[in-house]
Amino acid sequence: MDLCKASLHKYDTALSVVLGRNLEAIVVDEEKTSIDCIEYMRNQRAGQATFIPLDTIKVKPVNNKFRAFGKGVRLACGYCAARARN
């Protein structure tokens, strides 16, 4: 399930660039879940994956000075539509 996608199709490439190596990351509820998943993958020789545990993320507020660069300029987060958490 994709957690976010570009709000308009024309922004798909820009969003992919912004997300970079985390584009295919797996979001999990907590760090223990990511450790369990990594251990399972190791035991199954299922390759590697990047896990992002929600309980370890520290979010900084967006600096308002970045919102006023000029006409035609917006923050990448303005082009991303996220799904609600179930």
Protein backbone atom coordinates (compact mmCIF):
# COMPACT_ATOMS: atom_id res chain seq x y z
CA MET A 1 0.00 0.00 0.00
CA ASP A 2 1.40 3.38 -0.92
CA LEU A 3 1.31 5.86 1.94
CA CYS A 4 1.69 8.92 -0.23
CA LYS A 5 1.55 9.85 -3.86
CA ALA A 6 1.91 13.00 -5.87
CA SER A 7 -1.22 15.14 -5.73
CA LEU A 8 -0.98 15.49 -9.52
CA HIS A 9 0.59 12.99 -11.92
CA LYS A 10 2.99 15.62 -13.28
CA TYR A 11 4.74 15.74 -9.88
CA ASP A 12 5.50 11.98 -9.72
CA THR A 13 9.15 12.38 -10.75
CA ALA A 14 9.78 15.29 -8.37
CA LEU A 15 8.31 13.34 -5.45
CA SER A 16 10.42 10.30 -6.35
CA VAL A 17 13.56 12.45 -6.30
CA VAL A 18 12.64 13.99 -2.94
CA LEU A 19 11.98 10.62 -1.34
CA GLY A 20 15.16 9.18 -2.84
CA ARG A 21 16.25 5.90 -1.31
CA ASN A 22 13.24 5.95 1.01
CA LEU A 23 10.80 5.60 -1.88
CA GLU A 24 10.62 1.85 -1.30
CA ALA A 25 11.00 1.98 2.50
CA ILE A 26 8.59 0.01 4.65
CA VAL A 27 6.84 2.00 7.39
CA VAL A 28 6.17 0.04 10.58
CA ASP A 29 4.52 0.94 13.88
CA GLU A 30 7.52 0.65 16.18
CA GLU A 31 11.22 -0.15 16.25
CA LYS A 32 10.67 -3.66 17.62
CA THR A 33 8.55 -4.50 14.58
CA SER A 34 11.35 -3.39 12.27
CA ILE A 35 13.86 -5.52 14.19
CA ASP A 36 11.54 -8.53 13.95
CA CYS A 37 11.06 -7.96 10.21
CA ILE A 38 14.79 -7.67 9.60
CA GLU A 39 15.41 -10.87 11.55
CA TYR A 40 12.70 -12.68 9.57
CA MET A 41 14.13 -11.49 6.26
CA ARG A 42 17.61 -12.55 7.34
CA ASN A 43 16.40 -16.02 8.33
CA GLN A 44 14.47 -16.41 5.07
CA ARG A 45 17.33 -14.96 3.01
CA ALA A 46 14.75 -12.61 1.54
CA GLY A 47 17.08 -9.75 0.69
CA GLN A 48 17.25 -6.36 2.30
CA ALA A 49 14.77 -3.58 2.98
CA THR A 50 14.71 -0.23 4.72
CA PHE A 51 12.27 0.07 7.62
CA ILE A 52 11.03 3.33 9.11
CA PRO A 53 9.55 2.84 12.60
CA LEU A 54 6.97 5.52 13.38
CA ASP A 55 7.93 5.63 17.06
CA THR A 56 11.45 6.86 16.24
CA ILE A 57 10.60 9.67 13.81
CA LYS A 58 11.24 13.21 15.01
CA VAL A 59 9.43 15.79 12.88
CA LYS A 60 10.48 19.42 12.70
CA PRO A 61 7.94 22.07 11.76
CA VAL A 62 8.36 23.67 8.33
CA ASN A 63 10.10 27.05 8.48
CA ASN A 64 7.65 29.63 7.11
CA LYS A 65 10.41 31.50 5.25
CA PHE A 66 10.53 28.56 2.82
CA ARG A 67 6.89 29.11 1.92
CA ALA A 68 7.55 32.55 0.42
CA PHE A 69 10.29 31.99 -2.18
CA GLY A 70 8.24 33.33 -5.04
CA LYS A 71 5.76 32.58 -7.78
CA GLY A 72 5.79 28.98 -8.97
CA VAL A 73 7.75 27.72 -5.95
CA ARG A 74 6.20 25.40 -3.38
CA LEU A 75 7.48 22.99 -0.79
CA ALA A 76 7.52 19.34 -1.87
CA CYS A 77 5.14 18.46 0.97
CA GLY A 78 2.55 20.61 -0.81
CA TYR A 79 2.52 18.15 -3.71
CA CYS A 80 2.14 14.98 -1.69
CA ALA A 81 -1.21 13.46 -0.78
CA ALA A 82 -0.92 11.08 2.17
CA ARG A 83 -3.33 8.33 3.12
CA ALA A 84 -4.94 8.37 6.54
CA ARG A 85 -3.66 5.81 9.00
CA ASN A 86 -6.14 3.00 9.75
